[in-house]
Amino acid sequence: MTKSLILEKYGKSIPVRLQVRSYLNGNLAIQMITCEDGEPWNTLTVNLGGKCKKDCAFIDTNNNGDSILPWLVRNGLAVPTGVLGRSGYCVYPEFRFRDSALKEADPDGYENYLEILQATGARK
């Protein structure tokens, strides 16, 4: 059983779990899945091209809002790196995820991510 997290959105408390995946270029991709029905809630990360360092990803504040940033820190999932990425008029902050948090959230998904990262030329 993977750990569920409570996301406060639209005046509701929504239990979600994280699903760890990879984008085609090997970058970390994380989706939020509702615990209630197993349906996707939202994609937490955005792939801006280029190669991110291991366990780093740009956070999709365009679709999740800025409130997702303190939620990541408060839940012990990730910390900001200080790097910003841009796409169009949007600016996305990069966060480094704790490997232990990713393993706990989705052990198989994290292992697959590491394998794909290795195969696509990981940045340390």
N, C-alpha and C. Protein backbone atom coordinates (compact mmCIF):
# COMPACT_ATOMS: atom_id res chain seq x y z
N MET A 1 0.85 -1.19 0.00
CA MET A 1 0.00 0.00 0.00
C MET A 1 0.88 1.24 0.00
N THR A 2 0.67 2.12 -0.95
CA THR A 2 1.47 3.34 -1.02
C THR A 2 0.85 4.42 -0.14
N LYS A 3 1.70 5.31 0.29
CA LYS A 3 1.30 6.39 1.19
C LYS A 3 0.37 7.37 0.48
N SER A 4 -0.71 7.75 1.16
CA SER A 4 -1.59 8.77 0.60
C SER A 4 -1.28 10.11 1.27
N LEU A 5 -1.50 11.16 0.52
CA LEU A 5 -1.28 12.53 0.96
C LEU A 5 -2.59 13.28 0.81
N ILE A 6 -2.81 14.25 1.67
CA ILE A 6 -4.03 15.05 1.59
C ILE A 6 -3.73 16.35 0.86
N LEU A 7 -4.43 16.56 -0.24
CA LEU A 7 -4.31 17.77 -1.03
C LEU A 7 -5.55 18.62 -0.77
N GLU A 8 -5.34 19.85 -0.29
CA GLU A 8 -6.46 20.78 -0.04
C GLU A 8 -6.68 21.59 -1.31
N LYS A 9 -7.81 21.36 -1.97
CA LYS A 9 -8.10 22.05 -3.22
C LYS A 9 -9.60 22.28 -3.34
N TYR A 10 -9.98 23.47 -3.77
CA TYR A 10 -11.38 23.81 -4.03
C TYR A 10 -12.26 23.58 -2.80
N GLY A 11 -11.70 23.85 -1.61
CA GLY A 11 -12.45 23.69 -0.37
C GLY A 11 -12.65 22.25 0.07
N LYS A 12 -11.91 21.33 -0.54
CA LYS A 12 -12.04 19.91 -0.20
C LYS A 12 -10.68 19.35 0.19
N SER A 13 -10.71 18.28 0.96
CA SER A 13 -9.50 17.51 1.28
C SER A 13 -9.52 16.27 0.39
N ILE A 14 -8.56 16.20 -0.52
CA ILE A 14 -8.53 15.12 -1.50
C ILE A 14 -7.34 14.21 -1.22
N PRO A 15 -7.59 12.94 -0.85
CA PRO A 15 -6.47 12.01 -0.67
C PRO A 15 -5.92 11.60 -2.04
N VAL A 16 -4.63 11.79 -2.21
CA VAL A 16 -3.97 11.43 -3.46
C VAL A 16 -2.73 10.59 -3.15
N ARG A 17 -2.29 9.86 -4.15
CA ARG A 17 -1.01 9.17 -4.08
C ARG A 17 -0.22 9.59 -5.31
N LEU A 18 1.08 9.45 -5.22
CA LEU A 18 1.94 9.85 -6.33
C LEU A 18 2.32 8.64 -7.16
N GLN A 19 2.29 8.82 -8.47
CA GLN A 19 2.70 7.79 -9.41
C GLN A 19 3.97 8.31 -10.10
N VAL A 20 5.06 7.57 -9.96
CA VAL A 20 6.35 7.99 -10.51
C VAL A 20 6.53 7.36 -11.88
N ARG A 21 6.85 8.20 -12.86
CA ARG A 21 7.06 7.76 -14.23
C ARG A 21 8.22 8.55 -14.82
N SER A 22 8.46 8.35 -16.12
CA SER A 22 9.49 9.10 -16.84
C SER A 22 8.89 9.70 -18.09
N TYR A 23 9.39 10.88 -18.45
CA TYR A 23 9.09 11.42 -19.76
C TYR A 23 9.97 10.69 -20.77
N LEU A 24 9.72 10.85 -22.05
CA LEU A 24 10.47 10.13 -23.08
C LEU A 24 11.97 10.38 -23.02
N ASN A 25 12.36 11.57 -22.57
CA ASN A 25 13.79 11.89 -22.49
C ASN A 25 14.42 11.43 -21.18
N GLY A 26 13.67 10.73 -20.34
CA GLY A 26 14.19 10.20 -19.09
C GLY A 26 13.94 11.08 -17.88
N ASN A 27 13.46 12.31 -18.09
CA ASN A 27 13.19 13.20 -16.95
C ASN A 27 12.07 12.64 -16.08
N LEU A 28 12.13 13.00 -14.80
CA LEU A 28 11.15 12.56 -13.81
C LEU A 28 9.77 13.12 -14.11
N ALA A 29 8.78 12.24 -14.14
CA ALA A 29 7.38 12.63 -14.33
C ALA A 29 6.59 12.10 -13.13
N ILE A 30 5.75 12.94 -12.55
CA ILE A 30 4.95 12.52 -11.40
C ILE A 30 3.50 12.92 -11.63
N GLN A 31 2.63 11.94 -11.46
CA GLN A 31 1.20 12.18 -11.59
C GLN A 31 0.55 11.98 -10.22
N MET A 32 -0.45 12.79 -9.93
CA MET A 32 -1.23 12.63 -8.71
C MET A 32 -2.49 11.83 -9.05
N ILE A 33 -2.71 10.75 -8.30
CA ILE A 33 -3.84 9.85 -8.52
C ILE A 33 -4.75 9.92 -7.30
N THR A 34 -6.06 10.04 -7.52
CA THR A 34 -6.98 10.07 -6.38
C THR A 34 -7.07 8.69 -5.75
N CYS A 35 -7.06 8.66 -4.44
CA CYS A 35 -7.16 7.38 -3.71
C CYS A 35 -8.57 6.82 -3.78
N GLU A 36 -9.54 7.72 -3.88
CA GLU A 36 -10.95 7.31 -3.86
C GLU A 36 -11.30 6.38 -5.02
N ASP A 37 -10.90 6.77 -6.23
CA ASP A 37 -11.30 5.98 -7.40
C ASP A 37 -10.14 5.60 -8.32
N GLY A 38 -8.91 5.97 -7.93
CA GLY A 38 -7.75 5.59 -8.74
C GLY A 38 -7.61 6.36 -10.04
N GLU A 39 -8.38 7.42 -10.19
CA GLU A 39 -8.33 8.23 -11.40
C GLU A 39 -7.24 9.29 -11.28
N PRO A 40 -6.64 9.68 -12.41
CA PRO A 40 -5.65 10.77 -12.36
C PRO A 40 -6.30 12.06 -11.87
N TRP A 41 -5.61 12.76 -10.96
CA TRP A 41 -6.07 14.06 -10.48
C TRP A 41 -5.43 15.15 -11.32
N ASN A 42 -4.10 15.14 -11.39
CA ASN A 42 -3.36 16.13 -12.16
C ASN A 42 -1.91 15.68 -12.29
N THR A 43 -1.23 16.22 -13.26
CA THR A 43 0.19 15.95 -13.41
C THR A 43 0.94 17.00 -12.61
N LEU A 44 1.82 16.54 -11.74
CA LEU A 44 2.55 17.42 -10.83
C LEU A 44 3.72 18.12 -11.54
N THR A 45 4.30 17.43 -12.51
CA THR A 45 5.52 17.93 -13.16
C THR A 45 5.25 18.34 -14.60
N VAL A 46 6.20 19.06 -15.16
CA VAL A 46 6.14 19.45 -16.56
C VAL A 46 7.52 19.21 -17.17
N ASN A 47 7.55 18.73 -18.40
CA ASN A 47 8.80 18.44 -19.09
C ASN A 47 9.13 19.59 -20.03
N LEU A 48 10.18 20.31 -19.71
CA LEU A 48 10.53 21.50 -20.50
C LEU A 48 11.62 21.23 -21.53
N GLY A 49 11.97 19.99 -21.73
CA GLY A 49 13.07 19.67 -22.63
C GLY A 49 14.38 19.80 -21.88
N GLY A 50 15.44 19.40 -22.49
CA GLY A 50 16.71 19.39 -21.77
C GLY A 50 16.70 18.27 -20.76
N LYS A 51 17.82 18.07 -20.13
CA LYS A 51 17.97 16.97 -19.18
C LYS A 51 18.03 17.51 -17.76
N CYS A 52 17.14 17.05 -16.91
CA CYS A 52 17.17 17.42 -15.49
C CYS A 52 18.09 16.47 -14.74
N LYS A 53 18.59 16.93 -13.60
CA LYS A 53 19.39 16.06 -12.74
C LYS A 53 18.47 15.00 -12.13
N LYS A 54 19.10 13.93 -11.64
CA LYS A 54 18.37 12.83 -11.00
C LYS A 54 17.47 13.38 -9.88
N ASP A 55 16.25 12.90 -9.86
CA ASP A 55 15.25 13.24 -8.85
C ASP A 55 14.79 14.70 -8.90
N CYS A 56 15.14 15.42 -9.95
CA CYS A 56 14.70 16.82 -10.11
C CYS A 56 13.63 16.91 -11.19
N ALA A 57 12.71 17.83 -11.00
CA ALA A 57 11.65 18.05 -11.98
C ALA A 57 11.11 19.46 -11.83
N PHE A 58 10.61 20.00 -12.93
CA PHE A 58 9.94 21.29 -12.90
C PHE A 58 8.48 21.05 -12.50
N ILE A 59 7.99 21.87 -11.59
CA ILE A 59 6.64 21.71 -11.04
C ILE A 59 5.65 22.53 -11.86
N ASP A 60 4.56 21.89 -12.24
CA ASP A 60 3.54 22.53 -13.08
C ASP A 60 2.64 23.44 -12.24
N THR A 61 3.14 24.65 -11.99
CA THR A 61 2.35 25.63 -11.24
C THR A 61 1.27 26.26 -12.11
N ASN A 62 1.36 26.12 -13.41
CA ASN A 62 0.34 26.65 -14.30
C ASN A 62 -0.99 25.92 -14.08
N ASN A 63 -0.94 24.62 -13.91
CA ASN A 63 -2.16 23.83 -13.72
C ASN A 63 -2.45 23.47 -12.26
N ASN A 64 -1.43 23.51 -11.39
CA ASN A 64 -1.61 23.17 -9.98
C ASN A 64 -1.65 24.38 -9.06
N GLY A 65 -1.27 25.54 -9.57
CA GLY A 65 -1.21 26.75 -8.76
C GLY A 65 0.04 26.77 -7.89
N ASP A 66 0.37 27.95 -7.38
CA ASP A 66 1.56 28.10 -6.54
C ASP A 66 1.40 27.41 -5.19
N SER A 67 0.18 27.12 -4.78
CA SER A 67 -0.04 26.48 -3.48
C SER A 67 0.54 25.06 -3.43
N ILE A 68 0.84 24.49 -4.58
CA ILE A 68 1.42 23.15 -4.60
C ILE A 68 2.86 23.16 -4.09
N LEU A 69 3.54 24.30 -4.18
CA LEU A 69 4.95 24.38 -3.79
C LEU A 69 5.16 24.16 -2.29
N PRO A 70 4.48 24.91 -1.41
CA PRO A 70 4.64 24.63 0.02
C PRO A 70 4.10 23.25 0.41
N TRP A 71 3.13 22.73 -0.33
CA TRP A 71 2.60 21.39 -0.08
C TRP A 71 3.69 20.34 -0.26
N LEU A 72 4.51 20.51 -1.30
CA LEU A 72 5.62 19.58 -1.55
C LEU A 72 6.61 19.58 -0.39
N VAL A 73 6.94 20.77 0.09
CA VAL A 73 7.91 20.90 1.19
C VAL A 73 7.30 20.39 2.49
N ARG A 74 6.07 20.81 2.78
CA ARG A 74 5.38 20.44 4.02
C ARG A 74 5.23 18.92 4.16
N ASN A 75 5.04 18.23 3.05
CA ASN A 75 4.88 16.79 3.07
C ASN A 75 6.21 16.04 2.96
N GLY A 76 7.31 16.78 2.97
CA GLY A 76 8.63 16.15 2.94
C GLY A 76 8.95 15.47 1.63
N LEU A 77 8.33 15.94 0.55
CA LEU A 77 8.54 15.31 -0.75
C LEU A 77 9.72 15.88 -1.51
N ALA A 78 9.88 17.21 -1.46
CA ALA A 78 10.87 17.86 -2.31
C ALA A 78 11.23 19.24 -1.76
N VAL A 79 12.34 19.76 -2.26
CA VAL A 79 12.80 21.11 -1.91
C VAL A 79 13.15 21.86 -3.19
N PRO A 80 13.00 23.18 -3.19
CA PRO A 80 13.33 23.96 -4.39
C PRO A 80 14.83 23.98 -4.63
N THR A 81 15.20 23.96 -5.91
CA THR A 81 16.62 24.05 -6.28
C THR A 81 17.05 25.48 -6.57
N GLY A 82 16.09 26.37 -6.79
CA GLY A 82 16.40 27.74 -7.17
C GLY A 82 16.45 27.95 -8.67
N VAL A 83 16.32 26.85 -9.43
CA VAL A 83 16.33 26.93 -10.90
C VAL A 83 14.91 27.16 -11.38
N LEU A 84 14.77 28.04 -12.36
CA LEU A 84 13.47 28.29 -12.97
C LEU A 84 13.53 27.92 -14.44
N GLY A 85 12.46 27.31 -14.94
CA GLY A 85 12.35 26.99 -16.36
C GLY A 85 11.19 27.77 -16.94
N ARG A 86 11.26 28.05 -18.22
CA ARG A 86 10.22 28.85 -18.87
C ARG A 86 9.65 28.12 -20.08
N SER A 87 8.36 28.32 -20.28
CA SER A 87 7.70 27.85 -21.48
C SER A 87 6.60 28.86 -21.77
N GLY A 88 6.72 29.55 -22.88
CA GLY A 88 5.76 30.61 -23.19
C GLY A 88 5.81 31.68 -22.12
N TYR A 89 4.66 32.02 -21.57
CA TYR A 89 4.58 33.03 -20.52
C TYR A 89 4.68 32.43 -19.12
N CYS A 90 4.82 31.13 -19.03
CA CYS A 90 4.83 30.46 -17.73
C CYS A 90 6.25 30.21 -17.23
N VAL A 91 6.42 30.34 -15.93
CA VAL A 91 7.70 30.07 -15.26
C VAL A 91 7.46 28.93 -14.29
N TYR A 92 8.32 27.93 -14.37
CA TYR A 92 8.17 26.73 -13.54
C TYR A 92 9.40 26.55 -12.65
N PRO A 93 9.21 26.40 -11.34
CA PRO A 93 10.34 26.17 -10.44
C PRO A 93 10.76 24.69 -10.47
N GLU A 94 12.06 24.48 -10.39
CA GLU A 94 12.57 23.12 -10.30
C GLU A 94 12.67 22.71 -8.82
N PHE A 95 12.28 21.49 -8.52
CA PHE A 95 12.39 20.93 -7.18
C PHE A 95 13.18 19.63 -7.25
N ARG A 96 13.93 19.36 -6.17
CA ARG A 96 14.62 18.08 -6.04
C ARG A 96 13.80 17.23 -5.07
N PHE A 97 13.35 16.08 -5.57
CA PHE A 97 12.56 15.16 -4.75
C PHE A 97 13.47 14.28 -3.92
N ARG A 98 13.02 13.97 -2.72
CA ARG A 98 13.75 13.04 -1.86
C ARG A 98 13.57 11.64 -2.43
N ASP A 99 14.69 10.96 -2.67
CA ASP A 99 14.57 9.62 -3.24
C ASP A 99 13.76 8.70 -2.34
N SER A 100 13.88 8.87 -1.02
CA SER A 100 13.11 8.03 -0.10
C SER A 100 11.61 8.29 -0.23
N ALA A 101 11.23 9.53 -0.50
CA ALA A 101 9.81 9.86 -0.69
C ALA A 101 9.27 9.24 -1.97
N LEU A 102 10.08 9.25 -3.04
CA LEU A 102 9.66 8.66 -4.30
C LEU A 102 9.56 7.14 -4.18
N LYS A 103 10.52 6.54 -3.49
CA LYS A 103 10.49 5.07 -3.28
C LYS A 103 9.26 4.67 -2.47
N GLU A 104 8.94 5.46 -1.45
CA GLU A 104 7.78 5.16 -0.61
C GLU A 104 6.48 5.35 -1.39
N ALA A 105 6.43 6.37 -2.22
CA ALA A 105 5.21 6.67 -2.97
C ALA A 105 4.91 5.62 -4.03
N ASP A 106 5.94 5.17 -4.73
CA ASP A 106 5.74 4.24 -5.85
C ASP A 106 7.04 3.47 -6.09
N PRO A 107 7.29 2.41 -5.31
CA PRO A 107 8.56 1.69 -5.41
C PRO A 107 8.88 1.19 -6.82
N ASP A 108 7.91 0.56 -7.48
CA ASP A 108 8.15 0.03 -8.82
C ASP A 108 8.35 1.16 -9.83
N GLY A 109 7.53 2.19 -9.72
CA GLY A 109 7.65 3.33 -10.63
C GLY A 109 8.99 4.02 -10.49
N TYR A 110 9.48 4.15 -9.26
CA TYR A 110 10.78 4.80 -9.04
C TYR A 110 11.91 3.95 -9.61
N GLU A 111 11.84 2.63 -9.44
CA GLU A 111 12.86 1.74 -10.01
C GLU A 111 12.87 1.86 -11.53
N ASN A 112 11.70 1.88 -12.15
CA ASN A 112 11.61 2.04 -13.61
C ASN A 112 12.19 3.37 -14.05
N TYR A 113 11.88 4.43 -13.30
CA TYR A 113 12.43 5.76 -13.61
C TYR A 113 13.96 5.71 -13.59
N LEU A 114 14.54 5.09 -12.57
CA LEU A 114 16.01 5.01 -12.46
C LEU A 114 16.61 4.24 -13.63
N GLU A 115 15.96 3.15 -14.04
CA GLU A 115 16.44 2.37 -15.18
C GLU A 115 16.40 3.19 -16.47
N ILE A 116 15.31 3.90 -16.69
CA ILE A 116 15.18 4.73 -17.89
C ILE A 116 16.16 5.89 -17.84
N LEU A 117 16.33 6.48 -16.67
CA LEU A 117 17.28 7.58 -16.50
C LEU A 117 18.69 7.12 -16.87
N GLN A 118 19.07 5.95 -16.40
CA GLN A 118 20.38 5.38 -16.71
C GLN A 118 20.53 5.16 -18.22
N ALA A 119 19.50 4.62 -18.84
CA ALA A 119 19.54 4.31 -20.27
C ALA A 119 19.60 5.56 -21.14
N THR A 120 19.06 6.67 -20.64
CA THR A 120 19.03 7.90 -21.44
C THR A 120 20.15 8.86 -21.08
N GLY A 121 21.07 8.44 -20.25
CA GLY A 121 22.22 9.29 -19.90
C GLY A 121 21.93 10.22 -18.75
N ALA A 122 21.91 9.67 -17.56
CA ALA A 122 21.58 10.42 -16.35
C ALA A 122 22.54 11.56 -16.08
N ARG A 123 22.00 12.65 -15.54
CA ARG A 123 22.81 13.75 -14.99
C ARG A 123 22.79 13.59 -13.48
N LYS A 124 23.92 13.73 -12.87
CA LYS A 124 24.00 13.56 -11.40
C LYS A 124 23.76 14.87 -10.69
